[in-house]
Amino acid sequence: MILSIETSTDVCSIAIHQQEKLIDSLVSTEAYSHAEKLAPMIDELLKTSKVDKHQLTAIAVSAGPGSYTGLRIGTATAKGLCYALDIPLIAVNTLESMLVSDHQAKNTWLCPMIDARRMEVYCLLADNHGQIIVPTEAKIIDETSFASYLNDHKISFFGNGAAKCNNTITHANAQFLEHIKPSAIDIGTLANKKYQLGDFADLVYFEPEYLKPFVAIKAKNPLL
């Protein structure tokens, strides 16, 4: 019985799986509310699914890349639950979890993207079987991005970082899919596989994969 937490973007979601079966899930699309919403969502999900917290055998969390603040909130919550319940932590790469969703087309490669501000995205590239061609990276997008791959393959770009690339990556083999976001349901699917392999994160030293250092944004009207 695994509780999965996904907080890498402005969407906050949680899910409970028993082995590979989805028991229940909750999603909040209210931006910048992870710190406020996550704990009550977990309590609500446990109640509605009639799962006692002591039945949980692991906590899975999105390991990034993604929002610095969102990832820290998800990680802190997941670690707290693991310590309190004495159960292992499972870390799942956010972009790899996005490959799980049913949006694969025959002979089409996949490029999940998460917004990293301006014209930069966190992304990876996988073939139509889900095998990683280019591992997770922070990438500045211009008109030549992925050109060498697009010459030989159709590529589907998706995620909240893909929309801003639509007018820049104009190759005929590029297509852009909407409404595909990181999900705790997909995190849970990969977490179950990791659980069977005993692939657990180090509870003490685990940190999300930020890829870039945190940069504080100065308020427009700071109080003097």
C-alpha atoms as a PDB file:
ATOM      1  CA  MET A   1       0.000   0.000   0.000  1.00  0.00           C
ATOM      2  CA  ILE A   2       1.823   3.093  -1.269  1.00  0.00           C
ATOM      3  CA  LEU A   3       0.890   6.757  -0.851  1.00  0.00           C
ATOM      4  CA  SER A   4       2.282   8.870  -3.694  1.00  0.00           C
ATOM      5  CA  ILE A   5       2.858  12.634  -3.610  1.00  0.00           C
ATOM      6  CA  GLU A   6       3.364  14.862  -6.671  1.00  0.00           C
ATOM      7  CA  THR A   7       4.162  18.568  -6.129  1.00  0.00           C
ATOM      8  CA  SER A   8       6.633  19.428  -8.890  1.00  0.00           C
ATOM      9  CA  THR A   9       4.398  21.988 -10.654  1.00  0.00           C
ATOM     10  CA  ASP A  10       1.435  24.182  -9.721  1.00  0.00           C
ATOM     11  CA  VAL A  11      -0.742  21.044  -9.656  1.00  0.00           C
ATOM     12  CA  CYS A  12      -0.691  19.119  -6.377  1.00  0.00           C
ATOM     13  CA  SER A  13      -1.835  15.501  -6.455  1.00  0.00           C
ATOM     14  CA  ILE A  14      -1.760  12.420  -4.235  1.00  0.00           C
ATOM     15  CA  ALA A  15      -2.747   8.808  -4.814  1.00  0.00           C
ATOM     16  CA  ILE A  16      -2.908   5.476  -3.017  1.00  0.00           C
ATOM     17  CA  HIS A  17      -2.060   2.220  -4.781  1.00  0.00           C
ATOM     18  CA  GLN A  18      -2.349  -1.301  -3.432  1.00  0.00           C
ATOM     19  CA  GLN A  19       0.230  -3.209  -5.405  1.00  0.00           C
ATOM     20  CA  GLU A  20      -0.526  -1.963  -8.958  1.00  0.00           C
ATOM     21  CA  LYS A  21      -4.195  -1.141  -8.348  1.00  0.00           C
ATOM     22  CA  LEU A  22      -5.211   2.490  -7.876  1.00  0.00           C
ATOM     23  CA  ILE A  23      -7.341   2.819  -4.742  1.00  0.00           C
ATOM     24  CA  ASP A  24      -8.080   6.561  -4.904  1.00  0.00           C
ATOM     25  CA  SER A  25      -6.537   9.940  -5.735  1.00  0.00           C
ATOM     26  CA  LEU A  26      -6.986  13.670  -5.147  1.00  0.00           C
ATOM     27  CA  VAL A  27      -5.886  16.679  -7.211  1.00  0.00           C
ATOM     28  CA  SER A  28      -5.660  20.397  -6.409  1.00  0.00           C
ATOM     29  CA  THR A  29      -5.096  22.878  -9.240  1.00  0.00           C
ATOM     30  CA  GLU A  30      -4.927  25.906  -6.945  1.00  0.00           C
ATOM     31  CA  ALA A  31      -1.506  27.420  -7.636  1.00  0.00           C
ATOM     32  CA  TYR A  32       0.978  28.179  -4.840  1.00  0.00           C
ATOM     33  CA  SER A  33      -1.097  26.290  -2.269  1.00  0.00           C
ATOM     34  CA  HIS A  34       0.916  23.101  -1.747  1.00  0.00           C
ATOM     35  CA  ALA A  35       1.999  24.001   1.781  1.00  0.00           C
ATOM     36  CA  GLU A  36      -1.595  24.708   2.761  1.00  0.00           C
ATOM     37  CA  LYS A  37      -3.347  21.913   0.871  1.00  0.00           C
ATOM     38  CA  LEU A  38      -1.077  18.858   0.972  1.00  0.00           C
ATOM     39  CA  ALA A  39      -1.519  17.652   4.575  1.00  0.00           C
ATOM     40  CA  PRO A  40      -5.336  18.098   4.593  1.00  0.00           C
ATOM     41  CA  MET A  41      -5.527  16.331   1.216  1.00  0.00           C
ATOM     42  CA  ILE A  42      -3.651  13.343   2.621  1.00  0.00           C
ATOM     43  CA  ASP A  43      -5.982  13.162   5.628  1.00  0.00           C
ATOM     44  CA  GLU A  44      -9.011  13.389   3.346  1.00  0.00           C
ATOM     45  CA  LEU A  45      -7.726  10.725   0.967  1.00  0.00           C
ATOM     46  CA  LEU A  46      -6.992   8.274   3.777  1.00  0.00           C
ATOM     47  CA  LYS A  47     -10.494   8.786   5.157  1.00  0.00           C
ATOM     48  CA  THR A  48     -12.375   8.512   1.853  1.00  0.00           C
ATOM     49  CA  SER A  49     -10.376   5.453   0.771  1.00  0.00           C
ATOM     50  CA  LYS A  50     -10.788   3.877   4.229  1.00  0.00           C
ATOM     51  CA  VAL A  51      -7.072   3.301   4.539  1.00  0.00           C
ATOM     52  CA  ASP A  52      -5.442   3.593   7.953  1.00  0.00           C
ATOM     53  CA  LYS A  53      -2.068   5.333   7.806  1.00  0.00           C
ATOM     54  CA  HIS A  54      -0.495   2.312   9.515  1.00  0.00           C
ATOM     55  CA  GLN A  55      -1.494   0.193   6.492  1.00  0.00           C
ATOM     56  CA  LEU A  56       0.890   2.189   4.309  1.00  0.00           C
ATOM     57  CA  THR A  57       4.059   0.297   3.442  1.00  0.00           C
ATOM     58  CA  ALA A  58       5.915   3.121   1.645  1.00  0.00           C
ATOM     59  CA  ILE A  59       5.657   6.760   0.640  1.00  0.00           C
ATOM     60  CA  ALA A  60       6.522   7.737  -2.939  1.00  0.00           C
ATOM     61  CA  VAL A  61       7.416  11.287  -3.916  1.00  0.00           C
ATOM     62  CA  SER A  62       8.162  13.116  -7.119  1.00  0.00           C
ATOM     63  CA  ALA A  63      11.950  13.592  -7.117  1.00  0.00           C
ATOM     64  CA  GLY A  64      12.027  16.429  -9.634  1.00  0.00           C
ATOM     65  CA  PRO A  65      12.945  18.278 -11.629  1.00  0.00           C
ATOM     66  CA  GLY A  66      10.350  20.984 -11.128  1.00  0.00           C
ATOM     67  CA  SER A  67       9.382  23.818  -8.829  1.00  0.00           C
ATOM     68  CA  TYR A  68      11.967  24.295  -6.078  1.00  0.00           C
ATOM     69  CA  THR A  69       9.360  25.188  -3.461  1.00  0.00           C
ATOM     70  CA  GLY A  70       6.889  22.525  -4.554  1.00  0.00           C
ATOM     71  CA  LEU A  71       9.500  19.776  -4.485  1.00  0.00           C
ATOM     72  CA  ARG A  72      10.710  20.798  -1.036  1.00  0.00           C
ATOM     73  CA  ILE A  73       7.169  20.738   0.357  1.00  0.00           C
ATOM     74  CA  GLY A  74       6.482  17.313  -1.128  1.00  0.00           C
ATOM     75  CA  THR A  75       9.803  15.909   0.071  1.00  0.00           C
ATOM     76  CA  ALA A  76       9.450  17.278   3.611  1.00  0.00           C
ATOM     77  CA  THR A  77       5.940  15.834   3.894  1.00  0.00           C
ATOM     78  CA  ALA A  78       6.996  12.457   2.500  1.00  0.00           C
ATOM     79  CA  LYS A  79      10.015  12.236   4.814  1.00  0.00           C
ATOM     80  CA  GLY A  80       7.904  13.186   7.824  1.00  0.00           C
ATOM     81  CA  LEU A  81       5.441  10.404   7.085  1.00  0.00           C
ATOM     82  CA  CYS A  82       8.238   7.884   6.552  1.00  0.00           C
ATOM     83  CA  TYR A  83       9.866   8.764   9.877  1.00  0.00           C
ATOM     84  CA  ALA A  84       6.548   8.712  11.746  1.00  0.00           C
ATOM     85  CA  LEU A  85       5.407   5.392  10.267  1.00  0.00           C
ATOM     86  CA  ASP A  86       8.880   3.795   9.996  1.00  0.00           C
ATOM     87  CA  ILE A  87       8.413   2.949   6.312  1.00  0.00           C
ATOM     88  CA  PRO A  88      10.692   3.487   3.288  1.00  0.00           C
ATOM     89  CA  LEU A  89      10.773   6.424   0.881  1.00  0.00           C
ATOM     90  CA  ILE A  90      10.573   5.889  -2.882  1.00  0.00           C
ATOM     91  CA  ALA A  91      11.776   8.675  -5.196  1.00  0.00           C
ATOM     92  CA  VAL A  92      10.478   8.841  -8.769  1.00  0.00           C
ATOM     93  CA  ASN A  93      11.837  11.123 -11.502  1.00  0.00           C
ATOM     94  CA  THR A  94       9.049  13.532 -12.465  1.00  0.00           C
ATOM     95  CA  LEU A  95       9.713  13.462 -16.202  1.00  0.00           C
ATOM     96  CA  GLU A  96       9.999   9.682 -16.299  1.00  0.00           C
ATOM     97  CA  SER A  97       6.630   9.413 -14.562  1.00  0.00           C
ATOM     98  CA  MET A  98       5.087  11.481 -17.362  1.00  0.00           C
ATOM     99  CA  LEU A  99       6.054   8.761 -19.832  1.00  0.00           C
ATOM    100  CA  VAL A 100       3.617   6.397 -18.088  1.00  0.00           C
ATOM    101  CA  SER A 101       0.476   8.218 -19.264  1.00  0.00           C
ATOM    102  CA  ASP A 102      -1.335   6.741 -22.240  1.00  0.00           C
ATOM    103  CA  HIS A 103      -0.253   9.200 -24.925  1.00  0.00           C
ATOM    104  CA  GLN A 104       2.251   7.118 -26.838  1.00  0.00           C
ATOM    105  CA  ALA A 105       1.811   6.811 -30.598  1.00  0.00           C
ATOM    106  CA  LYS A 106       3.497   4.238 -32.786  1.00  0.00           C
ATOM    107  CA  ASN A 107       6.946   5.342 -33.952  1.00  0.00           C
ATOM    108  CA  THR A 108       6.650   8.653 -32.089  1.00  0.00           C
ATOM    109  CA  TRP A 109       9.271   9.669 -29.546  1.00  0.00           C
ATOM    110  CA  LEU A 110       8.312  11.460 -26.335  1.00  0.00           C
ATOM    111  CA  CYS A 111       9.631  14.657 -24.766  1.00  0.00           C
ATOM    112  CA  PRO A 112       8.021  15.660 -21.462  1.00  0.00           C
ATOM    113  CA  MET A 113       8.825  19.248 -20.487  1.00  0.00           C
ATOM    114  CA  ILE A 114       8.487  21.179 -17.236  1.00  0.00           C
ATOM    115  CA  ASP A 115       8.684  24.968 -17.280  1.00  0.00           C
ATOM    116  CA  ALA A 116      11.966  26.345 -15.914  1.00  0.00           C
ATOM    117  CA  ARG A 117      11.227  30.052 -16.648  1.00  0.00           C
ATOM    118  CA  ARG A 118      11.978  32.129 -19.734  1.00  0.00           C
ATOM    119  CA  MET A 119      12.829  29.822 -22.658  1.00  0.00           C
ATOM    120  CA  GLU A 120      14.339  27.110 -20.488  1.00  0.00           C
ATOM    121  CA  VAL A 121      12.712  23.770 -19.700  1.00  0.00           C
ATOM    122  CA  TYR A 122      13.501  20.613 -17.774  1.00  0.00           C
ATOM    123  CA  CYS A 123      13.135  17.748 -20.210  1.00  0.00           C
ATOM    124  CA  LEU A 124      14.211  14.330 -21.377  1.00  0.00           C
ATOM    125  CA  LEU A 125      13.777  12.445 -24.629  1.00  0.00           C
ATOM    126  CA  ALA A 126      12.543   8.855 -24.875  1.00  0.00           C
ATOM    127  CA  ASP A 127      11.704   6.560 -27.759  1.00  0.00           C
ATOM    128  CA  ASN A 128       8.234   5.098 -28.307  1.00  0.00           C
ATOM    129  CA  HIS A 129       9.097   2.183 -25.986  1.00  0.00           C
ATOM    130  CA  GLY A 130       9.948   4.525 -23.115  1.00  0.00           C
ATOM    131  CA  GLN A 131      13.701   3.973 -23.380  1.00  0.00           C
ATOM    132  CA  ILE A 132      15.621   7.139 -22.459  1.00  0.00           C
ATOM    133  CA  ILE A 133      17.529   8.636 -25.402  1.00  0.00           C
ATOM    134  CA  VAL A 134      18.541  11.920 -23.741  1.00  0.00           C
ATOM    135  CA  PRO A 135      18.479  11.924 -19.920  1.00  0.00           C
ATOM    136  CA  THR A 136      16.932  14.609 -17.727  1.00  0.00           C
ATOM    137  CA  GLU A 137      18.468  18.040 -18.328  1.00  0.00           C
ATOM    138  CA  ALA A 138      17.799  21.772 -18.124  1.00  0.00           C
ATOM    139  CA  LYS A 139      17.656  22.999 -21.709  1.00  0.00           C
ATOM    140  CA  ILE A 140      17.327  26.432 -23.326  1.00  0.00           C
ATOM    141  CA  ILE A 141      14.974  26.115 -26.276  1.00  0.00           C
ATOM    142  CA  ASP A 142      15.658  27.712 -29.663  1.00  0.00           C
ATOM    143  CA  GLU A 143      14.782  26.915 -33.279  1.00  0.00           C
ATOM    144  CA  THR A 144      17.532  24.253 -33.503  1.00  0.00           C
ATOM    145  CA  SER A 145      16.473  22.310 -30.394  1.00  0.00           C
ATOM    146  CA  PHE A 146      16.033  18.569 -31.070  1.00  0.00           C
ATOM    147  CA  ALA A 147      16.609  19.202 -34.804  1.00  0.00           C
ATOM    148  CA  SER A 148      18.923  16.220 -35.272  1.00  0.00           C
ATOM    149  CA  TYR A 149      16.289  13.908 -33.744  1.00  0.00           C
ATOM    150  CA  LEU A 150      13.327  15.529 -35.490  1.00  0.00           C
ATOM    151  CA  ASN A 151      14.923  14.931 -38.885  1.00  0.00           C
ATOM    152  CA  ASP A 152      14.470  11.180 -38.362  1.00  0.00           C
ATOM    153  CA  HIS A 153      11.626  10.862 -35.845  1.00  0.00           C
ATOM    154  CA  LYS A 154       8.277  12.350 -34.942  1.00  0.00           C
ATOM    155  CA  ILE A 155       8.419  13.743 -31.414  1.00  0.00           C
ATOM    156  CA  SER A 156       5.511  14.556 -29.100  1.00  0.00           C
ATOM    157  CA  PHE A 157       6.251  17.464 -26.726  1.00  0.00           C
ATOM    158  CA  PHE A 158       4.037  17.798 -23.655  1.00  0.00           C
ATOM    159  CA  GLY A 159       3.916  19.161 -20.118  1.00  0.00           C
ATOM    160  CA  ASN A 160       3.662  22.729 -18.823  1.00  0.00           C
ATOM    161  CA  GLY A 161       6.966  23.645 -20.465  1.00  0.00           C
ATOM    162  CA  ALA A 162       5.934  22.560 -23.949  1.00  0.00           C
ATOM    163  CA  ALA A 163       3.351  25.265 -24.698  1.00  0.00           C
ATOM    164  CA  LYS A 164       5.941  28.065 -24.834  1.00  0.00           C
ATOM    165  CA  CYS A 165       8.025  26.044 -27.309  1.00  0.00           C
ATOM    166  CA  ASN A 166       5.231  25.689 -29.879  1.00  0.00           C
ATOM    167  CA  ASN A 167       6.265  28.751 -31.883  1.00  0.00           C
ATOM    168  CA  THR A 168       9.988  28.018 -31.589  1.00  0.00           C
ATOM    169  CA  ILE A 169      10.211  24.326 -32.468  1.00  0.00           C
ATOM    170  CA  THR A 170       8.483  24.389 -35.852  1.00  0.00           C
ATOM    171  CA  HIS A 171       9.856  21.242 -37.470  1.00  0.00           C
ATOM    172  CA  ALA A 172       7.251  19.237 -39.384  1.00  0.00           C
ATOM    173  CA  ASN A 173       7.878  16.191 -37.184  1.00  0.00           C
ATOM    174  CA  ALA A 174       7.153  18.098 -33.959  1.00  0.00           C
ATOM    175  CA  GLN A 175       3.730  17.838 -32.358  1.00  0.00           C
ATOM    176  CA  PHE A 176       2.501  19.367 -29.117  1.00  0.00           C
ATOM    177  CA  LEU A 177       0.079  17.605 -26.787  1.00  0.00           C
ATOM    178  CA  GLU A 178      -2.031  19.526 -24.282  1.00  0.00           C
ATOM    179  CA  HIS A 179      -3.363  18.769 -20.804  1.00  0.00           C
ATOM    180  CA  ILE A 180      -0.665  16.249 -19.835  1.00  0.00           C
ATOM    181  CA  LYS A 181       0.720  17.039 -16.390  1.00  0.00           C
ATOM    182  CA  PRO A 182       2.733  15.216 -13.725  1.00  0.00           C
ATOM    183  CA  SER A 183       0.408  13.011 -11.683  1.00  0.00           C
ATOM    184  CA  ALA A 184       0.652  11.131  -8.399  1.00  0.00           C
ATOM    185  CA  ILE A 185      -1.155   8.273 -10.143  1.00  0.00           C
ATOM    186  CA  ASP A 186       1.782   7.856 -12.540  1.00  0.00           C
ATOM    187  CA  ILE A 187       4.262   8.332  -9.677  1.00  0.00           C
ATOM    188  CA  GLY A 188       2.500   5.452  -7.908  1.00  0.00           C
ATOM    189  CA  THR A 189       2.704   3.202 -10.959  1.00  0.00           C
ATOM    190  CA  LEU A 190       6.498   3.519 -11.101  1.00  0.00           C
ATOM    191  CA  ALA A 191       6.782   3.425  -7.302  1.00  0.00           C
ATOM    192  CA  ASN A 192       5.209  -0.020  -7.176  1.00  0.00           C
ATOM    193  CA  LYS A 193       7.884  -1.333  -9.535  1.00  0.00           C
ATOM    194  CA  LYS A 194      10.611   0.230  -7.394  1.00  0.00           C
ATOM    195  CA  TYR A 195       9.076  -1.236  -4.251  1.00  0.00           C
ATOM    196  CA  GLN A 196       9.245  -4.742  -5.700  1.00  0.00           C
ATOM    197  CA  LEU A 197      12.924  -4.179  -6.479  1.00  0.00           C
ATOM    198  CA  GLY A 198      13.657  -2.739  -3.041  1.00  0.00           C
ATOM    199  CA  ASP A 199      14.778   0.483  -4.726  1.00  0.00           C
ATOM    200  CA  PHE A 200      14.386   2.925  -1.828  1.00  0.00           C
ATOM    201  CA  ALA A 201      15.793   6.424  -1.324  1.00  0.00           C
ATOM    202  CA  ASP A 202      18.084   7.250   1.577  1.00  0.00           C
ATOM    203  CA  LEU A 203      15.665   8.828   4.033  1.00  0.00           C
ATOM    204  CA  VAL A 204      18.351  10.966   5.660  1.00  0.00           C
ATOM    205  CA  TYR A 205      20.218  12.258   2.628  1.00  0.00           C
ATOM    206  CA  PHE A 206      17.638  12.302  -0.158  1.00  0.00           C
ATOM    207  CA  GLU A 207      17.138  15.667  -1.855  1.00  0.00           C
ATOM    208  CA  PRO A 208      15.027  16.389  -4.957  1.00  0.00           C
ATOM    209  CA  GLU A 209      16.691  16.811  -8.346  1.00  0.00           C
ATOM    210  CA  TYR A 210      16.523  20.599  -8.683  1.00  0.00           C
ATOM    211  CA  LEU A 211      18.958  20.807 -11.656  1.00  0.00           C
ATOM    212  CA  LYS A 212      19.339  24.561 -11.066  1.00  0.00           C
ATOM    213  CA  PRO A 213      20.133  26.536  -7.880  1.00  0.00           C
ATOM    214  CA  PHE A 214      17.245  28.301  -6.178  1.00  0.00           C
ATOM    215  CA  VAL A 215      16.947  31.984  -7.059  1.00  0.00           C
ATOM    216  CA  ALA A 216      14.784  34.175  -4.837  1.00  0.00           C
ATOM    217  CA  ILE A 217      12.549  36.621  -6.692  1.00  0.00           C
ATOM    218  CA  LYS A 218      12.595  40.152  -5.310  1.00  0.00           C
ATOM    219  CA  ALA A 219       9.166  41.545  -4.506  1.00  0.00           C
ATOM    220  CA  LYS A 220       7.984  44.344  -6.794  1.00  0.00           C
ATOM    221  CA  ASN A 221       6.838  46.486  -3.860  1.00  0.00           C
ATOM    222  CA  PRO A 222       9.010  45.453  -0.914  1.00  0.00           C
ATOM    223  CA  LEU A 223       8.127  46.815   2.473  1.00  0.00           C
ATOM    224  CA  LEU A 224      10.707  49.343   3.663  1.00  0.00           C
END
